[in-house]
C-alpha atoms as a PDB file:
ATOM      1  CA  MET A   1      19.908  19.442  28.878  1.00  0.00           C
ATOM      2  CA  ASP A   2      21.188  22.970  28.369  1.00  0.00           C
ATOM      3  CA  LEU A   3      18.450  25.233  27.003  1.00  0.00           C
ATOM      4  CA  LYS A   4      20.630  28.338  27.506  1.00  0.00           C
ATOM      5  CA  SER A   5      23.061  27.050  24.869  1.00  0.00           C
ATOM      6  CA  LEU A   6      20.284  27.365  22.261  1.00  0.00           C
ATOM      7  CA  LYS A   7      20.724  31.139  22.557  1.00  0.00           C
ATOM      8  CA  ARG A   8      24.497  31.183  22.161  1.00  0.00           C
ATOM      9  CA  ASN A   9      26.095  33.284  19.448  1.00  0.00           C
ATOM     10  CA  LEU A  10      26.794  31.464  16.214  1.00  0.00           C
ATOM     11  CA  THR A  11      30.392  30.893  15.193  1.00  0.00           C
ATOM     12  CA  ALA A  12      31.696  32.058  11.822  1.00  0.00           C
ATOM     13  CA  ASP A  13      31.634  28.502  10.455  1.00  0.00           C
ATOM     14  CA  GLU A  14      27.940  28.162  11.390  1.00  0.00           C
ATOM     15  CA  ILE A  15      26.979  31.287   9.440  1.00  0.00           C
ATOM     16  CA  ASP A  16      26.565  31.360   5.679  1.00  0.00           C
ATOM     17  CA  PHE A  17      27.116  34.528   3.683  1.00  0.00           C
ATOM     18  CA  ARG A  18      25.629  35.281   0.287  1.00  0.00           C
ATOM     19  CA  VAL A  19      25.156  38.204  -2.063  1.00  0.00           C
ATOM     20  CA  GLY A  20      21.896  40.024  -1.511  1.00  0.00           C
ATOM     21  CA  LYS A  21      21.794  42.821  -4.041  1.00  0.00           C
ATOM     22  CA  VAL A  22      24.221  44.509  -6.422  1.00  0.00           C
ATOM     23  CA  ILE A  23      24.127  48.296  -6.645  1.00  0.00           C
ATOM     24  CA  VAL A  24      25.959  50.014  -9.512  1.00  0.00           C
ATOM     25  CA  LYS A  25      26.430  53.782  -9.465  1.00  0.00           C
ATOM     26  CA  SER A  26      29.881  55.327  -9.880  1.00  0.00           C
ATOM     27  CA  LYS A  27      31.200  52.123  -8.269  1.00  0.00           C
ATOM     28  CA  ALA A  28      29.668  48.680  -7.876  1.00  0.00           C
ATOM     29  CA  TRP A  29      28.667  47.424  -4.445  1.00  0.00           C
ATOM     30  CA  ALA A  30      27.040  44.279  -3.123  1.00  0.00           C
ATOM     31  CA  THR A  31      25.074  43.751   0.032  1.00  0.00           C
ATOM     32  CA  ILE A  32      26.143  40.563   1.780  1.00  0.00           C
ATOM     33  CA  LEU A  33      23.581  38.688   3.863  1.00  0.00           C
ATOM     34  CA  ALA A  34      24.455  36.592   6.907  1.00  0.00           C
ATOM     35  CA  TYR A  35      22.149  33.649   7.576  1.00  0.00           C
ATOM     36  CA  LYS A  36      21.975  30.172   9.073  1.00  0.00           C
ATOM     37  CA  ASP A  37      20.685  27.004   7.507  1.00  0.00           C
ATOM     38  CA  ALA A  38      18.433  24.373   9.048  1.00  0.00           C
ATOM     39  CA  ARG A  39      21.370  22.024   9.691  1.00  0.00           C
ATOM     40  CA  VAL A  40      22.774  24.552  12.165  1.00  0.00           C
ATOM     41  CA  ASP A  41      19.494  24.420  14.107  1.00  0.00           C
ATOM     42  CA  MET A  42      19.570  20.617  14.125  1.00  0.00           C
ATOM     43  CA  ASN A  43      23.178  20.487  15.331  1.00  0.00           C
ATOM     44  CA  ILE A  44      22.587  23.035  18.085  1.00  0.00           C
ATOM     45  CA  LEU A  45      19.413  21.269  19.235  1.00  0.00           C
ATOM     46  CA  ASP A  46      21.235  17.913  19.262  1.00  0.00           C
ATOM     47  CA  ALA A  47      24.047  19.372  21.376  1.00  0.00           C
ATOM     48  CA  ALA A  48      21.765  21.280  23.760  1.00  0.00           C
ATOM     49  CA  VAL A  49      18.989  18.773  24.451  1.00  0.00           C
ATOM     50  CA  GLY A  50      19.946  15.521  22.697  1.00  0.00           C
ATOM     51  CA  GLN A  51      18.389  14.041  19.547  1.00  0.00           C
ATOM     52  CA  GLU A  52      15.696  12.217  21.493  1.00  0.00           C
ATOM     53  CA  ASN A  53      14.450  15.388  23.211  1.00  0.00           C
ATOM     54  CA  TRP A  54      13.482  17.498  20.232  1.00  0.00           C
ATOM     55  CA  GLN A  55      11.465  17.091  17.054  1.00  0.00           C
ATOM     56  CA  VAL A  56      10.141  19.157  14.188  1.00  0.00           C
ATOM     57  CA  LYS A  57       6.740  18.927  12.526  1.00  0.00           C
ATOM     58  CA  PHE A  58       5.522  20.711   9.408  1.00  0.00           C
ATOM     59  CA  ARG A  59       2.116  21.680   8.107  1.00  0.00           C
ATOM     60  CA  GLU A  60       1.052  23.575   5.040  1.00  0.00           C
ATOM     61  CA  GLU A  61      -1.278  26.500   5.442  1.00  0.00           C
ATOM     62  CA  LYS A  62      -2.829  28.832   2.911  1.00  0.00           C
ATOM     63  CA  ASP A  63       0.290  30.510   1.495  1.00  0.00           C
ATOM     64  CA  CYS A  64       3.024  29.211   3.746  1.00  0.00           C
ATOM     65  CA  ILE A  65       4.615  26.287   5.500  1.00  0.00           C
ATOM     66  CA  VAL A  66       4.632  26.219   9.297  1.00  0.00           C
ATOM     67  CA  ALA A  67       7.371  24.420  11.212  1.00  0.00           C
ATOM     68  CA  SER A  68       6.922  23.547  14.863  1.00  0.00           C
ATOM     69  CA  ILE A  69       9.984  22.638  16.881  1.00  0.00           C
ATOM     70  CA  GLY A  70       9.175  20.755  20.040  1.00  0.00           C
ATOM     71  CA  VAL A  71      11.584  20.312  22.940  1.00  0.00           C
ATOM     72  CA  LYS A  72      10.865  17.892  25.769  1.00  0.00           C
ATOM     73  CA  ILE A  73      11.255  19.812  29.031  1.00  0.00           C
ATOM     74  CA  ASP A  74      10.566  18.007  32.321  1.00  0.00           C
ATOM     75  CA  GLY A  75       8.709  15.284  30.417  1.00  0.00           C
ATOM     76  CA  GLU A  76       6.429  17.727  28.544  1.00  0.00           C
ATOM     77  CA  TRP A  77       6.716  18.857  24.928  1.00  0.00           C
ATOM     78  CA  VAL A  78       7.028  22.632  24.487  1.00  0.00           C
ATOM     79  CA  TRP A  79       6.461  23.878  20.934  1.00  0.00           C
ATOM     80  CA  LYS A  80       7.518  27.039  19.106  1.00  0.00           C
ATOM     81  CA  GLU A  81       6.588  27.825  15.514  1.00  0.00           C
ATOM     82  CA  GLY A  82       7.838  29.737  12.528  1.00  0.00           C
ATOM     83  CA  ASN A  83       6.571  30.018   8.985  1.00  0.00           C
ATOM     84  CA  GLY A  84       8.225  30.185   5.606  1.00  0.00           C
ATOM     85  CA  ILE A  85       7.277  30.453   1.987  1.00  0.00           C
ATOM     86  CA  ASN A  86       8.488  28.458  -0.986  1.00  0.00           C
ATOM     87  CA  THR A  87      11.650  29.925  -2.458  1.00  0.00           C
ATOM     88  CA  ASP A  88      12.801  30.556  -6.012  1.00  0.00           C
ATOM     89  CA  PHE A  89      15.403  27.789  -5.767  1.00  0.00           C
ATOM     90  CA  GLU A  90      14.159  24.295  -4.822  1.00  0.00           C
ATOM     91  CA  ALA A  91      10.845  25.897  -3.951  1.00  0.00           C
ATOM     92  CA  GLN A  92       9.250  23.428  -1.554  1.00  0.00           C
ATOM     93  CA  LYS A  93      12.481  22.363   0.141  1.00  0.00           C
ATOM     94  CA  GLY A  94      13.366  26.028   0.596  1.00  0.00           C
ATOM     95  CA  GLY A  95      10.000  26.764   2.178  1.00  0.00           C
ATOM     96  CA  TYR A  96      10.339  23.937   4.682  1.00  0.00           C
ATOM     97  CA  SER A  97      13.904  24.953   5.520  1.00  0.00           C
ATOM     98  CA  ASP A  98      12.890  28.600   5.912  1.00  0.00           C
ATOM     99  CA  ALA A  99      10.059  27.647   8.267  1.00  0.00           C
ATOM    100  CA  GLN A 100      12.352  25.464  10.366  1.00  0.00           C
ATOM    101  CA  LYS A 101      14.979  28.208  10.630  1.00  0.00           C
ATOM    102  CA  ARG A 102      12.317  30.668  11.780  1.00  0.00           C
ATOM    103  CA  ALA A 103      11.056  28.224  14.386  1.00  0.00           C
ATOM    104  CA  GLY A 104      14.673  27.890  15.523  1.00  0.00           C
ATOM    105  CA  PHE A 105      14.858  31.663  15.975  1.00  0.00           C
ATOM    106  CA  GLN A 106      11.871  31.343  18.343  1.00  0.00           C
ATOM    107  CA  TRP A 107      14.041  29.069  20.505  1.00  0.00           C
ATOM    108  CA  GLY A 108      16.840  31.657  20.302  1.00  0.00           C
ATOM    109  CA  ILE A 109      19.022  29.810  17.789  1.00  0.00           C
ATOM    110  CA  GLY A 110      20.980  32.342  15.756  1.00  0.00           C
ATOM    111  CA  ARG A 111      19.077  35.299  17.122  1.00  0.00           C
ATOM    112  CA  SER A 112      22.318  37.308  17.188  1.00  0.00           C
ATOM    113  CA  LEU A 113      22.125  37.385  13.374  1.00  0.00           C
ATOM    114  CA  TYR A 114      19.532  40.130  13.847  1.00  0.00           C
ATOM    115  CA  ASN A 115      22.325  42.244  15.375  1.00  0.00           C
ATOM    116  CA  PHE A 116      24.718  41.967  12.439  1.00  0.00           C
ATOM    117  CA  PRO A 117      25.790  45.226  10.815  1.00  0.00           C
ATOM    118  CA  GLN A 118      24.805  45.887   7.234  1.00  0.00           C
ATOM    119  CA  ILE A 119      27.516  44.469   5.028  1.00  0.00           C
ATOM    120  CA  PHE A 120      28.428  46.375   1.858  1.00  0.00           C
ATOM    121  CA  VAL A 121      31.383  45.259  -0.240  1.00  0.00           C
ATOM    122  CA  GLU A 122      32.914  47.171  -3.126  1.00  0.00           C
ATOM    123  CA  LEU A 123      33.050  44.894  -6.158  1.00  0.00           C
ATOM    124  CA  LYS A 124      35.912  44.289  -8.525  1.00  0.00           C
ATOM    125  CA  PRO A 125      35.119  44.436 -12.279  1.00  0.00           C
ATOM    126  CA  ASP A 126      35.050  40.640 -12.682  1.00  0.00           C
ATOM    127  CA  GLU A 127      32.716  40.174  -9.701  1.00  0.00           C
ATOM    128  CA  TYR A 128      29.611  41.632 -11.331  1.00  0.00           C
ATOM    129  CA  SER A 129      27.962  42.018 -14.686  1.00  0.00           C
ATOM    130  CA  GLU A 130      27.390  45.575 -15.852  1.00  0.00           C
ATOM    131  CA  GLN A 131      24.542  44.377 -18.093  1.00  0.00           C
ATOM    132  CA  THR A 132      22.560  42.312 -15.601  1.00  0.00           C
ATOM    133  CA  LYS A 133      23.638  44.192 -12.445  1.00  0.00           C
ATOM    134  CA  LYS A 134      24.160  40.804 -10.787  1.00  0.00           C
ATOM    135  CA  ALA A 135      27.141  39.271  -9.067  1.00  0.00           C
ATOM    136  CA  THR A 136      29.197  36.733 -10.983  1.00  0.00           C
ATOM    137  CA  ALA A 137      30.313  33.371  -9.639  1.00  0.00           C
ATOM    138  CA  LYS A 138      33.659  34.967  -8.775  1.00  0.00           C
ATOM    139  CA  LEU A 139      32.060  36.768  -5.824  1.00  0.00           C
ATOM    140  CA  ARG A 140      31.835  34.021  -3.201  1.00  0.00           C
ATOM    141  CA  PRO A 141      31.551  35.569   0.266  1.00  0.00           C
ATOM    142  CA  LYS A 142      30.748  32.166   1.769  1.00  0.00           C
ATOM    143  CA  ASP A 143      34.338  31.156   0.926  1.00  0.00           C
ATOM    144  CA  TRP A 144      35.881  34.158   2.658  1.00  0.00           C
ATOM    145  CA  ASP A 145      37.472  34.130   6.106  1.00  0.00           C
ATOM    146  CA  TRP A 146      35.014  35.792   8.492  1.00  0.00           C
ATOM    147  CA  GLN A 147      36.166  36.886  11.953  1.00  0.00           C
ATOM    148  CA  ILE A 148      33.375  37.773  14.374  1.00  0.00           C
ATOM    149  CA  THR A 149      33.731  39.271  17.841  1.00  0.00           C
ATOM    150  CA  TYR A 150      30.688  39.532  20.085  1.00  0.00           C
ATOM    151  CA  LYS A 151      30.014  41.435  23.284  1.00  0.00           C
ATOM    152  CA  GLY A 152      26.962  39.736  24.699  1.00  0.00           C
ATOM    153  CA  ASP A 153      24.857  39.114  21.608  1.00  0.00           C
ATOM    154  CA  GLU A 154      26.046  42.274  19.854  1.00  0.00           C
ATOM    155  CA  VAL A 155      28.572  42.069  17.027  1.00  0.00           C
ATOM    156  CA  VAL A 156      31.353  44.492  17.982  1.00  0.00           C
ATOM    157  CA  LYS A 157      33.809  43.507  15.260  1.00  0.00           C
ATOM    158  CA  LEU A 158      33.344  41.825  11.897  1.00  0.00           C
ATOM    159  CA  VAL A 159      36.147  41.360   9.383  1.00  0.00           C
ATOM    160  CA  ALA A 160      36.019  39.472   6.078  1.00  0.00           C
ATOM    161  CA  ALA A 161      39.043  38.562   3.984  1.00  0.00           C
ATOM    162  CA  ASP A 162      38.678  37.022   0.530  1.00  0.00           C
ATOM    163  CA  LYS A 163      40.562  33.926  -0.629  1.00  0.00           C
ATOM    164  CA  ASN A 164      43.587  36.096  -1.505  1.00  0.00           C
ATOM    165  CA  GLY A 165      43.698  37.472   2.055  1.00  0.00           C
ATOM    166  CA  GLU A 166      42.460  40.920   1.004  1.00  0.00           C
ATOM    167  CA  ILE A 167      40.230  42.567   3.617  1.00  0.00           C
ATOM    168  CA  ARG A 168      36.916  43.155   1.861  1.00  0.00           C
ATOM    169  CA  PHE A 169      34.830  44.278   4.831  1.00  0.00           C
ATOM    170  CA  LYS A 170      35.630  45.635   8.272  1.00  0.00           C
ATOM    171  CA  TYR A 171      33.251  46.786  10.969  1.00  0.00           C
ATOM    172  CA  GLU A 172      34.019  47.889  14.517  1.00  0.00           C
ATOM    173  CA  ALA A 173      31.351  49.157  16.884  1.00  0.00           C
ATOM    174  CA  LYS A 174      31.948  52.589  18.344  1.00  0.00           C
END
């Protein structure tokens, strides 16, 4: 059992990236959000403590879903909770997943995501709609090559190249 490994930094292939918001002024920009999904939590828990030594329970409360992740430590279950709300896409499933991810943060899983820099990407004309001010399907940051360098749990370098190899985002800490 290696509880410290729950707090390790996530690798680029464990992080998902999606468009947050499109901003159109003289140029078009998108915010890109870095996040983890519940499968990452499950895989990290399996590797750190073994499948038989952790479990997740859910309960619905007034306006949210609460996930409790329990880890068996020295024969005793220790629980940490997080809550989520139903989402716009696959509402109930999204709420349960969100709650589980937040409970995972309580155990330290993916906590370094809180230290990510803000990601703004200049958009090409075919990557957004001028009318709806939304990104098109051509903007797929989850398919880009993301290179992440950490110092401790701080991101000190973050570079993203699109499928054509063009650098779309670069950050280096000062």
